[in-house]
C-alpha atoms as a PDB file:
ATOM      1  CA  MET A   1       0.000   0.000   0.000  1.00  0.00           C
ATOM      2  CA  SER A   2       1.490   3.350  -1.013  1.00  0.00           C
ATOM      3  CA  ARG A   3       1.066   6.619   0.862  1.00  0.00           C
ATOM      4  CA  PRO A   4       2.081  10.214   0.180  1.00  0.00           C
ATOM      5  CA  ILE A   5       4.798  11.783   2.315  1.00  0.00           C
ATOM      6  CA  SER A   6       4.331  15.448   3.091  1.00  0.00           C
ATOM      7  CA  ALA A   7       7.274  17.839   3.089  1.00  0.00           C
ATOM      8  CA  GLY A   8       8.968  17.753   6.486  1.00  0.00           C
ATOM      9  CA  GLY A   9       7.233  14.496   7.461  1.00  0.00           C
ATOM     10  CA  ASP A  10       8.973  11.458   8.943  1.00  0.00           C
ATOM     11  CA  PRO A  11       9.143   8.818   6.194  1.00  0.00           C
ATOM     12  CA  LEU A  12      10.569   6.196   8.574  1.00  0.00           C
ATOM     13  CA  GLY A  13       8.274   6.410  11.570  1.00  0.00           C
ATOM     14  CA  SER A  14       4.896   7.782  10.552  1.00  0.00           C
ATOM     15  CA  GLY A  15       3.378   4.790   8.771  1.00  0.00           C
ATOM     16  CA  GLN A  16       2.335   1.214   9.440  1.00  0.00           C
ATOM     17  CA  ASP A  17       4.401  -0.748  11.979  1.00  0.00           C
ATOM     18  CA  LEU A  18       6.239  -3.384   9.920  1.00  0.00           C
ATOM     19  CA  SER A  19       8.435  -4.637  12.767  1.00  0.00           C
ATOM     20  CA  GLU A  20       9.263  -8.326  13.146  1.00  0.00           C
ATOM     21  CA  THR A  21       9.570 -10.110  16.514  1.00  0.00           C
ATOM     22  CA  THR A  22      12.482 -12.476  17.178  1.00  0.00           C
ATOM     23  CA  LEU A  23      11.287 -15.886  18.381  1.00  0.00           C
ATOM     24  CA  GLY A  24      14.652 -17.648  18.436  1.00  0.00           C
ATOM     25  CA  SER A  25      18.241 -17.170  17.301  1.00  0.00           C
ATOM     26  CA  GLN A  26      21.184 -19.440  16.597  1.00  0.00           C
ATOM     27  CA  THR A  27      24.759 -18.868  15.455  1.00  0.00           C
ATOM     28  CA  VAL A  28      25.465 -20.715  12.210  1.00  0.00           C
ATOM     29  CA  PHE A  29      29.071 -19.590  11.756  1.00  0.00           C
ATOM     30  CA  LYS A  30      31.487 -17.575  13.880  1.00  0.00           C
ATOM     31  CA  GLY A  31      34.563 -16.337  12.038  1.00  0.00           C
ATOM     32  CA  LYS A  32      37.388 -13.884  12.664  1.00  0.00           C
ATOM     33  CA  LEU A  33      35.404 -10.984  11.190  1.00  0.00           C
ATOM     34  CA  LEU A  34      31.842 -12.115  10.449  1.00  0.00           C
ATOM     35  CA  HIS A  35      29.231 -14.084  12.388  1.00  0.00           C
ATOM     36  CA  VAL A  36      26.263 -15.653  10.596  1.00  0.00           C
ATOM     37  CA  GLN A  37      22.936 -15.888  12.445  1.00  0.00           C
ATOM     38  CA  LEU A  38      19.725 -17.755  11.685  1.00  0.00           C
ATOM     39  CA  ASP A  39      16.648 -16.333  13.442  1.00  0.00           C
ATOM     40  CA  ARG A  40      13.026 -17.355  13.559  1.00  0.00           C
ATOM     41  CA  VAL A  41      10.702 -14.334  13.472  1.00  0.00           C
ATOM     42  CA  ARG A  42       7.031 -13.456  13.663  1.00  0.00           C
ATOM     43  CA  MET A  43       5.964 -11.000  10.973  1.00  0.00           C
ATOM     44  CA  PRO A  44       3.354  -8.235  11.471  1.00  0.00           C
ATOM     45  CA  ASN A  45       0.678 -10.421   9.845  1.00  0.00           C
ATOM     46  CA  GLY A  46       1.235 -13.133  12.480  1.00  0.00           C
ATOM     47  CA  GLN A  47       3.038 -15.589  10.207  1.00  0.00           C
ATOM     48  CA  GLU A  48       6.464 -16.980  11.032  1.00  0.00           C
ATOM     49  CA  SER A  49       9.544 -16.939   8.844  1.00  0.00           C
ATOM     50  CA  SER A  50      13.342 -17.264   9.045  1.00  0.00           C
ATOM     51  CA  ARG A  51      16.024 -14.600   8.671  1.00  0.00           C
ATOM     52  CA  GLU A  52      19.660 -15.291   7.806  1.00  0.00           C
ATOM     53  CA  TYR A  53      22.021 -12.374   8.422  1.00  0.00           C
ATOM     54  CA  ILE A  54      25.594 -11.402   9.169  1.00  0.00           C
ATOM     55  CA  LEU A  55      26.755  -9.652  12.336  1.00  0.00           C
ATOM     56  CA  HIS A  56      29.471  -7.111  11.491  1.00  0.00           C
ATOM     57  CA  PRO A  57      31.482  -4.947  13.928  1.00  0.00           C
ATOM     58  CA  GLY A  58      30.976  -1.792  11.848  1.00  0.00           C
ATOM     59  CA  ALA A  59      33.462   0.373  10.003  1.00  0.00           C
ATOM     60  CA  ALA A  60      34.667   3.927   9.502  1.00  0.00           C
ATOM     61  CA  MET A  61      35.288   5.439   6.061  1.00  0.00           C
ATOM     62  CA  ILE A  62      37.174   8.612   5.202  1.00  0.00           C
ATOM     63  CA  ILE A  63      36.848  11.190   2.440  1.00  0.00           C
ATOM     64  CA  ALA A  64      40.433  12.464   2.710  1.00  0.00           C
ATOM     65  CA  LEU A  65      41.210  15.701   0.869  1.00  0.00           C
ATOM     66  CA  LEU A  66      44.689  16.984   0.120  1.00  0.00           C
ATOM     67  CA  ASP A  67      45.313  20.758   0.209  1.00  0.00           C
ATOM     68  CA  ASP A  68      44.641  20.956  -3.546  1.00  0.00           C
ATOM     69  CA  ASN A  69      41.320  19.075  -3.002  1.00  0.00           C
ATOM     70  CA  ARG A  70      42.516  15.885  -4.653  1.00  0.00           C
ATOM     71  CA  LEU A  71      41.086  12.773  -3.026  1.00  0.00           C
ATOM     72  CA  VAL A  72      43.147  10.070  -1.355  1.00  0.00           C
ATOM     73  CA  LEU A  73      41.877   6.802  -2.828  1.00  0.00           C
ATOM     74  CA  GLU A  74      43.061   3.208  -2.647  1.00  0.00           C
ATOM     75  CA  ARG A  75      43.533   0.436  -5.178  1.00  0.00           C
ATOM     76  CA  GLN A  76      43.528  -3.101  -3.860  1.00  0.00           C
ATOM     77  CA  TYR A  77      42.719  -6.684  -4.823  1.00  0.00           C
ATOM     78  CA  ARG A  78      39.515  -8.101  -3.364  1.00  0.00           C
ATOM     79  CA  TYR A  79      39.618 -11.882  -3.226  1.00  0.00           C
ATOM     80  CA  PRO A  80      35.845 -12.697  -3.267  1.00  0.00           C
ATOM     81  CA  LEU A  81      35.527 -11.120  -6.747  1.00  0.00           C
ATOM     82  CA  ARG A  82      39.129 -11.909  -7.855  1.00  0.00           C
ATOM     83  CA  ARG A  83      39.790  -8.404  -9.162  1.00  0.00           C
ATOM     84  CA  HIS A  84      41.192  -4.976  -8.273  1.00  0.00           C
ATOM     85  CA  PHE A  85      38.950  -2.195  -6.961  1.00  0.00           C
ATOM     86  CA  ILE A  86      39.388   1.531  -6.383  1.00  0.00           C
ATOM     87  CA  GLU A  87      38.051   2.415  -2.960  1.00  0.00           C
ATOM     88  CA  ILE A  88      37.890   5.116  -0.304  1.00  0.00           C
ATOM     89  CA  PRO A  89      39.990   4.489   2.844  1.00  0.00           C
ATOM     90  CA  ALA A  90      38.020   2.514   5.416  1.00  0.00           C
ATOM     91  CA  GLY A  91      38.460  -0.011   8.169  1.00  0.00           C
ATOM     92  CA  LYS A  92      36.778  -2.139  10.795  1.00  0.00           C
ATOM     93  CA  ILE A  93      35.874  -0.678  14.188  1.00  0.00           C
ATOM     94  CA  ASP A  94      37.681  -2.598  16.924  1.00  0.00           C
ATOM     95  CA  PRO A  95      35.708  -3.637  20.051  1.00  0.00           C
ATOM     96  CA  GLY A  96      35.107  -0.597  22.275  1.00  0.00           C
ATOM     97  CA  GLU A  97      36.775   1.761  19.795  1.00  0.00           C
ATOM     98  CA  ASP A  98      35.277   5.156  18.993  1.00  0.00           C
ATOM     99  CA  PRO A  99      34.545   5.300  15.232  1.00  0.00           C
ATOM    100  CA  LEU A 100      36.478   8.566  14.884  1.00  0.00           C
ATOM    101  CA  ASP A 101      39.529   6.867  16.382  1.00  0.00           C
ATOM    102  CA  THR A 102      39.026   4.073  13.843  1.00  0.00           C
ATOM    103  CA  ALA A 103      38.982   6.612  11.019  1.00  0.00           C
ATOM    104  CA  LYS A 104      42.143   8.316  12.256  1.00  0.00           C
ATOM    105  CA  ARG A 105      43.937   4.992  12.692  1.00  0.00           C
ATOM    106  CA  GLU A 106      42.940   3.641   9.289  1.00  0.00           C
ATOM    107  CA  LEU A 107      43.956   6.800   7.415  1.00  0.00           C
ATOM    108  CA  ILE A 108      47.425   6.531   8.950  1.00  0.00           C
ATOM    109  CA  GLU A 109      47.784   2.772   8.588  1.00  0.00           C
ATOM    110  CA  GLU A 110      46.454   2.414   5.037  1.00  0.00           C
ATOM    111  CA  CYS A 111      47.402   5.724   3.417  1.00  0.00           C
ATOM    112  CA  GLY A 112      50.119   7.335   5.518  1.00  0.00           C
ATOM    113  CA  TYR A 113      48.239  10.521   6.394  1.00  0.00           C
ATOM    114  CA  ALA A 114      47.202  12.229   9.618  1.00  0.00           C
ATOM    115  CA  ALA A 115      44.508  14.910   9.424  1.00  0.00           C
ATOM    116  CA  ARG A 116      44.118  18.174  11.314  1.00  0.00           C
ATOM    117  CA  GLU A 117      40.380  18.569  10.665  1.00  0.00           C
ATOM    118  CA  TRP A 118      37.642  15.947  10.986  1.00  0.00           C
ATOM    119  CA  HIS A 119      33.892  16.121  10.290  1.00  0.00           C
ATOM    120  CA  HIS A 120      31.351  13.341  10.763  1.00  0.00           C
ATOM    121  CA  LEU A 121      29.091  13.329   7.701  1.00  0.00           C
ATOM    122  CA  THR A 122      26.613  10.473   8.022  1.00  0.00           C
ATOM    123  CA  THR A 123      25.979   6.852   8.986  1.00  0.00           C
ATOM    124  CA  MET A 124      25.491   4.374   6.149  1.00  0.00           C
ATOM    125  CA  HIS A 125      24.043   0.853   6.111  1.00  0.00           C
ATOM    126  CA  PRO A 126      25.480  -0.859   3.011  1.00  0.00           C
ATOM    127  CA  ALA A 127      23.868  -4.296   3.135  1.00  0.00           C
ATOM    128  CA  ILE A 128      20.537  -4.088   4.983  1.00  0.00           C
ATOM    129  CA  GLY A 129      19.128  -7.223   3.347  1.00  0.00           C
ATOM    130  CA  TYR A 130      21.679  -9.557   4.951  1.00  0.00           C
ATOM    131  CA  ALA A 131      23.932  -7.709   7.430  1.00  0.00           C
ATOM    132  CA  ASP A 132      23.770  -5.296  10.377  1.00  0.00           C
ATOM    133  CA  GLU A 133      26.909  -3.438   9.243  1.00  0.00           C
ATOM    134  CA  ARG A 134      27.057   0.313   9.714  1.00  0.00           C
ATOM    135  CA  ILE A 135      29.680   2.636   8.271  1.00  0.00           C
ATOM    136  CA  GLU A 136      30.484   6.009   9.816  1.00  0.00           C
ATOM    137  CA  LEU A 137      31.555   8.444   7.098  1.00  0.00           C
ATOM    138  CA  TYR A 138      34.052  11.218   7.888  1.00  0.00           C
ATOM    139  CA  LEU A 139      35.649  14.081   6.001  1.00  0.00           C
ATOM    140  CA  ALA A 140      39.347  14.642   6.741  1.00  0.00           C
ATOM    141  CA  ARG A 141      41.285  17.760   5.713  1.00  0.00           C
ATOM    142  CA  GLY A 142      44.632  19.340   6.561  1.00  0.00           C
ATOM    143  CA  LEU A 143      46.563  16.180   5.745  1.00  0.00           C
ATOM    144  CA  THR A 144      50.156  15.577   6.817  1.00  0.00           C
ATOM    145  CA  ALA A 145      52.224  12.681   5.476  1.00  0.00           C
ATOM    146  CA  VAL A 146      53.262  10.130   8.122  1.00  0.00           C
ATOM    147  CA  SER A 147      54.563   6.553   8.030  1.00  0.00           C
ATOM    148  CA  ARG A 148      52.108   3.919   6.810  1.00  0.00           C
ATOM    149  CA  ARG A 149      51.481   0.882   9.010  1.00  0.00           C
ATOM    150  CA  LEU A 150      49.768  -1.708   6.827  1.00  0.00           C
ATOM    151  CA  ASP A 151      48.649  -5.018   8.309  1.00  0.00           C
ATOM    152  CA  GLU A 152      50.685  -8.041   7.217  1.00  0.00           C
ATOM    153  CA  ASP A 153      47.881  -9.256   4.948  1.00  0.00           C
ATOM    154  CA  GLU A 154      47.199  -5.857   3.320  1.00  0.00           C
ATOM    155  CA  MET A 155      48.536  -4.736  -0.060  1.00  0.00           C
ATOM    156  CA  ILE A 156      47.233  -1.247  -0.927  1.00  0.00           C
ATOM    157  CA  GLU A 157      48.262   1.269  -3.580  1.00  0.00           C
ATOM    158  CA  VAL A 158      47.498   4.883  -2.620  1.00  0.00           C
ATOM    159  CA  LEU A 159      46.138   7.163  -5.366  1.00  0.00           C
ATOM    160  CA  HIS A 160      45.736  10.966  -5.474  1.00  0.00           C
ATOM    161  CA  VAL A 161      42.790  11.720  -7.754  1.00  0.00           C
ATOM    162  CA  GLY A 162      40.867  14.879  -8.640  1.00  0.00           C
ATOM    163  CA  ILE A 163      37.115  14.829  -8.111  1.00  0.00           C
ATOM    164  CA  ASP A 164      36.401  15.229 -11.845  1.00  0.00           C
ATOM    165  CA  GLN A 165      38.499  12.168 -12.683  1.00  0.00           C
ATOM    166  CA  ALA A 166      36.929  10.189  -9.835  1.00  0.00           C
ATOM    167  CA  MET A 167      33.409  11.058 -10.994  1.00  0.00           C
ATOM    168  CA  THR A 168      34.324  10.050 -14.557  1.00  0.00           C
ATOM    169  CA  TRP A 169      35.519   6.689 -13.257  1.00  0.00           C
ATOM    170  CA  LEU A 170      32.267   6.354 -11.328  1.00  0.00           C
ATOM    171  CA  ARG A 171      30.133   7.171 -14.370  1.00  0.00           C
ATOM    172  CA  GLU A 172      32.115   4.819 -16.622  1.00  0.00           C
ATOM    173  CA  GLY A 173      31.908   1.896 -14.198  1.00  0.00           C
ATOM    174  CA  VAL A 174      35.588   1.897 -13.263  1.00  0.00           C
ATOM    175  CA  ILE A 175      34.588   2.551  -9.629  1.00  0.00           C
ATOM    176  CA  THR A 176      31.825   0.132  -8.626  1.00  0.00           C
ATOM    177  CA  GLU A 177      32.415  -0.570  -4.924  1.00  0.00           C
ATOM    178  CA  SER A 178      29.372   0.766  -3.061  1.00  0.00           C
ATOM    179  CA  LYS A 179      31.200   2.594  -0.259  1.00  0.00           C
ATOM    180  CA  ALA A 180      33.341   4.416  -2.794  1.00  0.00           C
ATOM    181  CA  VAL A 181      30.304   5.325  -4.903  1.00  0.00           C
ATOM    182  CA  THR A 182      28.524   6.838  -1.901  1.00  0.00           C
ATOM    183  CA  GLY A 183      31.639   8.571  -0.609  1.00  0.00           C
ATOM    184  CA  LEU A 184      32.416  10.136  -3.981  1.00  0.00           C
ATOM    185  CA  LEU A 185      28.876  11.483  -4.300  1.00  0.00           C
ATOM    186  CA  TRP A 186      29.268  13.087  -0.879  1.00  0.00           C
ATOM    187  CA  ALA A 187      32.687  14.466  -1.847  1.00  0.00           C
ATOM    188  CA  GLU A 188      31.333  15.982  -5.064  1.00  0.00           C
ATOM    189  CA  LYS A 189      28.467  17.682  -3.220  1.00  0.00           C
ATOM    190  CA  ILE A 190      30.827  19.101  -0.582  1.00  0.00           C
ATOM    191  CA  LEU A 191      33.474  20.293  -3.047  1.00  0.00           C
ATOM    192  CA  SER A 192      30.842  21.926  -5.287  1.00  0.00           C
ATOM    193  CA  GLY A 193      29.365  23.769  -2.292  1.00  0.00           C
ATOM    194  CA  ALA A 194      25.952  22.151  -2.786  1.00  0.00           C
ATOM    195  CA  TRP A 195      26.120  20.521   0.670  1.00  0.00           C
ATOM    196  CA  LEU A 196      27.500  22.560   3.583  1.00  0.00           C
ATOM    197  CA  LEU A 197      29.171  20.901   6.546  1.00  0.00           C
ATOM    198  CA  LYS A 198      27.171  20.750   9.761  1.00  0.00           C
ATOM    199  CA  ARG A 199      28.368  22.968  12.582  1.00  0.00           C
ATOM    200  CA  GLY A 200      29.425  21.434  15.857  1.00  0.00           C
END
């Protein structure tokens, strides 16, 4: 059933309650990074169903801008798809770690930059159909080169790319990774002045 949404209305909370109730939960797989759950749920219509999903610790992602407004991007090989991808710096949130601290750590470790200025932009949920992962997106400016500290199993090439080139790669399908797509759209809006940074 469709319904109109008035300007200024709450599109998430003002309609029919579609919540599902958990009846039971079991761990199917527990790995180093991901845990797979299988839950039994009761749907709003009273029927029961099952839900398979992944528990993820969350991540922080960084739009890192050099003084000339070029972006700091990464090129790395992603084993599940057996190919190289161009991405925006990001990393897993460690247990008990503040997401901003994650962002600062990952920018140093992966790219070799510390930043003077940080802004939290938004929270993203990249895989809502099968995972609880959240990604905190930050803007970092005032970069200073420092020593990289890659993990032993990481091989990353750092790229410095202008926003026009990055958007061309996005449009042409060179950049397809979803975090990078979202981050570049944010970066373009900020650099064009269409979206102003929040105060505070």
